[in-house]
C-alpha atoms as a PDB file:
ATOM      1  CA  MET A   1      17.450 -50.562 -52.946  1.00  0.00           C
ATOM      2  CA  ASP A   2      13.949 -52.404 -52.297  1.00  0.00           C
ATOM      3  CA  ILE A   3      14.762 -56.485 -51.570  1.00  0.00           C
ATOM      4  CA  THR A   4      12.067 -57.746 -50.566  1.00  0.00           C
ATOM      5  CA  SER A   5      10.992 -59.837 -53.019  1.00  0.00           C
ATOM      6  CA  ALA A   6      14.322 -61.207 -53.738  1.00  0.00           C
ATOM      7  CA  THR A   7      13.983 -62.145 -49.941  1.00  0.00           C
ATOM      8  CA  SER A   8      10.162 -63.895 -49.581  1.00  0.00           C
ATOM      9  CA  SER A   9      11.808 -67.021 -50.760  1.00  0.00           C
ATOM     10  CA  SER A  10      13.553 -67.431 -48.525  1.00  0.00           C
ATOM     11  CA  THR A  11      11.979 -66.238 -45.829  1.00  0.00           C
ATOM     12  CA  THR A  12       8.758 -68.144 -46.750  1.00  0.00           C
ATOM     13  CA  SER A  13      10.944 -71.243 -46.524  1.00  0.00           C
ATOM     14  CA  ALA A  14      12.441 -70.683 -42.845  1.00  0.00           C
ATOM     15  CA  GLU A  15       8.798 -69.601 -42.209  1.00  0.00           C
ATOM     16  CA  ALA A  16       7.521 -73.021 -43.764  1.00  0.00           C
ATOM     17  CA  LYS A  17      10.391 -75.008 -42.163  1.00  0.00           C
ATOM     18  CA  SER A  18       9.883 -73.067 -38.818  1.00  0.00           C
ATOM     19  CA  SER A  19       6.086 -74.703 -39.058  1.00  0.00           C
ATOM     20  CA  THR A  20       7.083 -78.621 -40.162  1.00  0.00           C
ATOM     21  CA  SER A  21       9.568 -79.118 -37.755  1.00  0.00           C
ATOM     22  CA  GLY A  22      10.214 -79.727 -33.983  1.00  0.00           C
ATOM     23  CA  SER A  23      13.609 -79.192 -34.512  1.00  0.00           C
ATOM     24  CA  SER A  24      15.125 -75.340 -32.940  1.00  0.00           C
ATOM     25  CA  ALA A  25      13.833 -72.599 -33.306  1.00  0.00           C
ATOM     26  CA  ALA A  26      17.002 -70.714 -33.384  1.00  0.00           C
ATOM     27  CA  SER A  27      18.707 -72.407 -35.932  1.00  0.00           C
ATOM     28  CA  LEU A  28      16.167 -71.559 -38.982  1.00  0.00           C
ATOM     29  CA  ASP A  29      16.252 -68.180 -37.107  1.00  0.00           C
ATOM     30  CA  TYR A  30      20.213 -68.325 -38.147  1.00  0.00           C
ATOM     31  CA  ASP A  31      19.984 -69.597 -41.249  1.00  0.00           C
ATOM     32  CA  ALA A  32      17.349 -67.603 -42.508  1.00  0.00           C
ATOM     33  CA  PHE A  33      19.645 -64.523 -41.233  1.00  0.00           C
ATOM     34  CA  LEU A  34      22.505 -65.876 -43.367  1.00  0.00           C
ATOM     35  CA  LYS A  35      20.161 -66.681 -46.540  1.00  0.00           C
ATOM     36  CA  LEU A  36      18.842 -63.276 -46.154  1.00  0.00           C
ATOM     37  CA  LEU A  37      22.333 -61.444 -46.100  1.00  0.00           C
ATOM     38  CA  ILE A  38      23.359 -63.300 -49.442  1.00  0.00           C
ATOM     39  CA  ALA A  39      19.976 -62.235 -50.944  1.00  0.00           C
ATOM     40  CA  GLN A  40      20.322 -58.593 -50.299  1.00  0.00           C
ATOM     41  CA  LEU A  41      24.099 -58.776 -51.245  1.00  0.00           C
ATOM     42  CA  GLN A  42      23.915 -60.751 -54.843  1.00  0.00           C
ATOM     43  CA  ASN A  43      21.006 -58.139 -55.170  1.00  0.00           C
ATOM     44  CA  GLN A  44      22.391 -55.037 -54.352  1.00  0.00           C
ATOM     45  CA  ASP A  45      22.270 -52.633 -57.140  1.00  0.00           C
ATOM     46  CA  PRO A  46      25.451 -51.884 -58.493  1.00  0.00           C
ATOM     47  CA  LEU A  47      25.093 -49.020 -59.397  1.00  0.00           C
ATOM     48  CA  GLU A  48      24.908 -47.706 -55.950  1.00  0.00           C
ATOM     49  CA  PRO A  49      26.027 -50.540 -53.393  1.00  0.00           C
ATOM     50  CA  MET A  50      25.464 -51.172 -49.377  1.00  0.00           C
ATOM     51  CA  GLN A  51      27.675 -49.089 -47.913  1.00  0.00           C
ATOM     52  CA  SER A  52      30.680 -50.933 -46.064  1.00  0.00           C
ATOM     53  CA  SER A  53      29.231 -49.378 -42.644  1.00  0.00           C
ATOM     54  CA  GLU A  54      25.900 -51.117 -43.341  1.00  0.00           C
ATOM     55  CA  TYR A  55      27.679 -54.237 -43.961  1.00  0.00           C
ATOM     56  CA  VAL A  56      30.247 -54.092 -41.100  1.00  0.00           C
ATOM     57  CA  ALA A  57      26.875 -53.649 -39.175  1.00  0.00           C
ATOM     58  CA  GLN A  58      25.036 -56.656 -40.151  1.00  0.00           C
ATOM     59  CA  LEU A  59      27.892 -58.911 -39.905  1.00  0.00           C
ATOM     60  CA  ALA A  60      27.907 -57.773 -36.362  1.00  0.00           C
ATOM     61  CA  THR A  61      24.435 -58.667 -36.153  1.00  0.00           C
ATOM     62  CA  PHE A  62      25.175 -62.099 -37.501  1.00  0.00           C
ATOM     63  CA  SER A  63      28.193 -62.280 -34.786  1.00  0.00           C
ATOM     64  CA  GLN A  64      25.870 -61.162 -31.809  1.00  0.00           C
ATOM     65  CA  VAL A  65      22.909 -64.071 -32.986  1.00  0.00           C
ATOM     66  CA  GLU A  66      25.275 -66.578 -33.231  1.00  0.00           C
ATOM     67  CA  LYS A  67      26.706 -66.034 -29.661  1.00  0.00           C
ATOM     68  CA  SER A  68      23.295 -65.620 -28.328  1.00  0.00           C
ATOM     69  CA  ILE A  69      22.425 -69.318 -29.946  1.00  0.00           C
ATOM     70  CA  GLU A  70      25.774 -70.725 -28.080  1.00  0.00           C
ATOM     71  CA  MET A  71      24.701 -69.391 -24.821  1.00  0.00           C
ATOM     72  CA  ASN A  72      21.519 -70.634 -25.092  1.00  0.00           C
ATOM     73  CA  THR A  73      23.590 -74.019 -25.200  1.00  0.00           C
ATOM     74  CA  ARG A  74      25.586 -73.542 -22.590  1.00  0.00           C
ATOM     75  CA  LEU A  75      23.012 -72.527 -20.410  1.00  0.00           C
ATOM     76  CA  SER A  76      21.240 -75.201 -21.385  1.00  0.00           C
ATOM     77  CA  ASP A  77      23.788 -77.360 -20.784  1.00  0.00           C
ATOM     78  CA  VAL A  78      24.535 -75.701 -17.019  1.00  0.00           C
ATOM     79  CA  LEU A  79      20.576 -76.187 -16.299  1.00  0.00           C
ATOM     80  CA  SER A  80      20.519 -80.059 -17.192  1.00  0.00           C
ATOM     81  CA  ALA A  81      23.745 -80.153 -14.098  1.00  0.00           C
ATOM     82  CA  VAL A  82      22.443 -79.085 -11.670  1.00  0.00           C
ATOM     83  CA  GLN A  83      19.055 -80.671 -12.084  1.00  0.00           C
ATOM     84  CA  MET A  84      20.912 -84.206 -12.051  1.00  0.00           C
ATOM     85  CA  GLN A  85      22.686 -83.157  -9.214  1.00  0.00           C
ATOM     86  CA  GLN A  86      19.529 -81.648  -7.854  1.00  0.00           C
ATOM     87  CA  ALA A  87      18.025 -85.365  -9.200  1.00  0.00           C
ATOM     88  CA  GLY A  88      20.725 -87.121  -6.957  1.00  0.00           C
ATOM     89  CA  ALA A  89      20.876 -85.422  -3.127  1.00  0.00           C
ATOM     90  CA  ILE A  90      17.177 -86.451  -2.760  1.00  0.00           C
ATOM     91  CA  ILE A  91      17.541 -89.600  -3.331  1.00  0.00           C
ATOM     92  CA  GLY A  92      17.618 -91.774   0.477  1.00  0.00           C
ATOM     93  CA  GLN A  93      15.351 -88.604   1.446  1.00  0.00           C
ATOM     94  CA  THR A  94      12.199 -88.175   3.673  1.00  0.00           C
ATOM     95  CA  LEU A  95      10.170 -86.188   0.912  1.00  0.00           C
ATOM     96  CA  THR A  96       7.025 -84.358   2.117  1.00  0.00           C
ATOM     97  CA  SER A  97       4.653 -82.299  -0.953  1.00  0.00           C
ATOM     98  CA  ALA A  98       3.293 -78.554  -0.607  1.00  0.00           C
ATOM     99  CA  ASP A  99       0.201 -79.496   0.461  1.00  0.00           C
ATOM    100  CA  GLY A 100       1.737 -82.486   3.437  1.00  0.00           C
ATOM    101  CA  GLN A 101      -0.882 -85.009   1.593  1.00  0.00           C
ATOM    102  CA  VAL A 102       2.082 -87.181   0.308  1.00  0.00           C
ATOM    103  CA  SER A 103       5.940 -88.369   2.648  1.00  0.00           C
ATOM    104  CA  GLY A 104       7.965 -91.189   2.300  1.00  0.00           C
ATOM    105  CA  THR A 105      11.672 -92.196   1.399  1.00  0.00           C
ATOM    106  CA  VAL A 106      12.334 -91.364  -1.854  1.00  0.00           C
ATOM    107  CA  GLU A 107      14.017 -94.099  -3.400  1.00  0.00           C
ATOM    108  CA  SER A 108      14.680 -92.618  -7.155  1.00  0.00           C
ATOM    109  CA  ALA A 109      13.922 -89.526  -9.358  1.00  0.00           C
ATOM    110  CA  LYS A 110      14.194 -88.447 -12.704  1.00  0.00           C
ATOM    111  CA  ILE A 111      14.305 -85.142 -14.608  1.00  0.00           C
ATOM    112  CA  VAL A 112      11.610 -83.682 -17.142  1.00  0.00           C
ATOM    113  CA  ASP A 113      10.994 -80.502 -18.174  1.00  0.00           C
ATOM    114  CA  GLY A 114       9.292 -79.412 -15.185  1.00  0.00           C
ATOM    115  CA  GLY A 115      12.257 -80.099 -13.376  1.00  0.00           C
ATOM    116  CA  VAL A 116      12.880 -82.889 -10.814  1.00  0.00           C
ATOM    117  CA  VAL A 117      10.195 -85.431 -10.019  1.00  0.00           C
ATOM    118  CA  ALA A 118      10.529 -87.757  -7.353  1.00  0.00           C
ATOM    119  CA  ILE A 119       9.731 -92.026  -6.873  1.00  0.00           C
ATOM    120  CA  LEU A 120       8.507 -92.452  -3.575  1.00  0.00           C
ATOM    121  CA  ALA A 121       9.132 -95.974  -1.873  1.00  0.00           C
ATOM    122  CA  ASP A 122       4.909 -96.543  -2.843  1.00  0.00           C
ATOM    123  CA  GLY A 123       5.893 -95.543  -6.025  1.00  0.00           C
ATOM    124  CA  THR A 124       4.023 -91.659  -6.314  1.00  0.00           C
ATOM    125  CA  GLU A 125       5.638 -89.532  -7.739  1.00  0.00           C
ATOM    126  CA  VAL A 126       5.348 -86.269  -6.797  1.00  0.00           C
ATOM    127  CA  ALA A 127       7.311 -82.539  -8.232  1.00  0.00           C
ATOM    128  CA  VAL A 128       9.628 -81.011  -6.321  1.00  0.00           C
ATOM    129  CA  GLY A 129       9.462 -77.529  -6.511  1.00  0.00           C
ATOM    130  CA  PRO A 130       8.470 -74.493  -3.679  1.00  0.00           C
ATOM    131  CA  GLY A 131       6.602 -75.705  -0.576  1.00  0.00           C
ATOM    132  CA  VAL A 132       7.841 -79.653  -0.879  1.00  0.00           C
ATOM    133  CA  VAL A 133      10.287 -80.499   2.252  1.00  0.00           C
ATOM    134  CA  ILE A 134      13.212 -82.495   1.645  1.00  0.00           C
ATOM    135  CA  GLY A 135      14.216 -84.166   5.060  1.00  0.00           C
ATOM    136  CA  GLY A 136      17.452 -85.781   6.409  1.00  0.00           C
ATOM    137  CA  LYS A 137      18.494 -89.438   5.344  1.00  0.00           C
ATOM    138  CA  SER A 138      15.591 -92.230   6.391  1.00  0.00           C
ATOM    139  CA  THR A 139      16.993 -95.074   8.817  1.00  0.00           C
END
């Protein structure tokens, strides 16, 4: 059974939401999947209904999508906690940039999309990453 015409409006509206909204794309995919499944069930041929095995397979896929979204959210929370711990641990430490040009005592730290940024006593900001040397407590 061809359900392309029945679901094209659902898909188009989900794509429009995706292009206009900066919110999580995962929830749009989740909503689009639900709309597609509902449209398929509503528009199936009564003389040749969907096989129960197809229905079960789609419900299993739905469950997998839901669990993937939940797992991504939890991983994001874990990453944030690790970055907060890293930021707190470097305060008061001496830091030298990867190129050796900048050095000083870390007074504060902030978390940005790319990771942790250390703010030195002189106001210089250094991204904490590969090659950055963090020493002992400054005296």
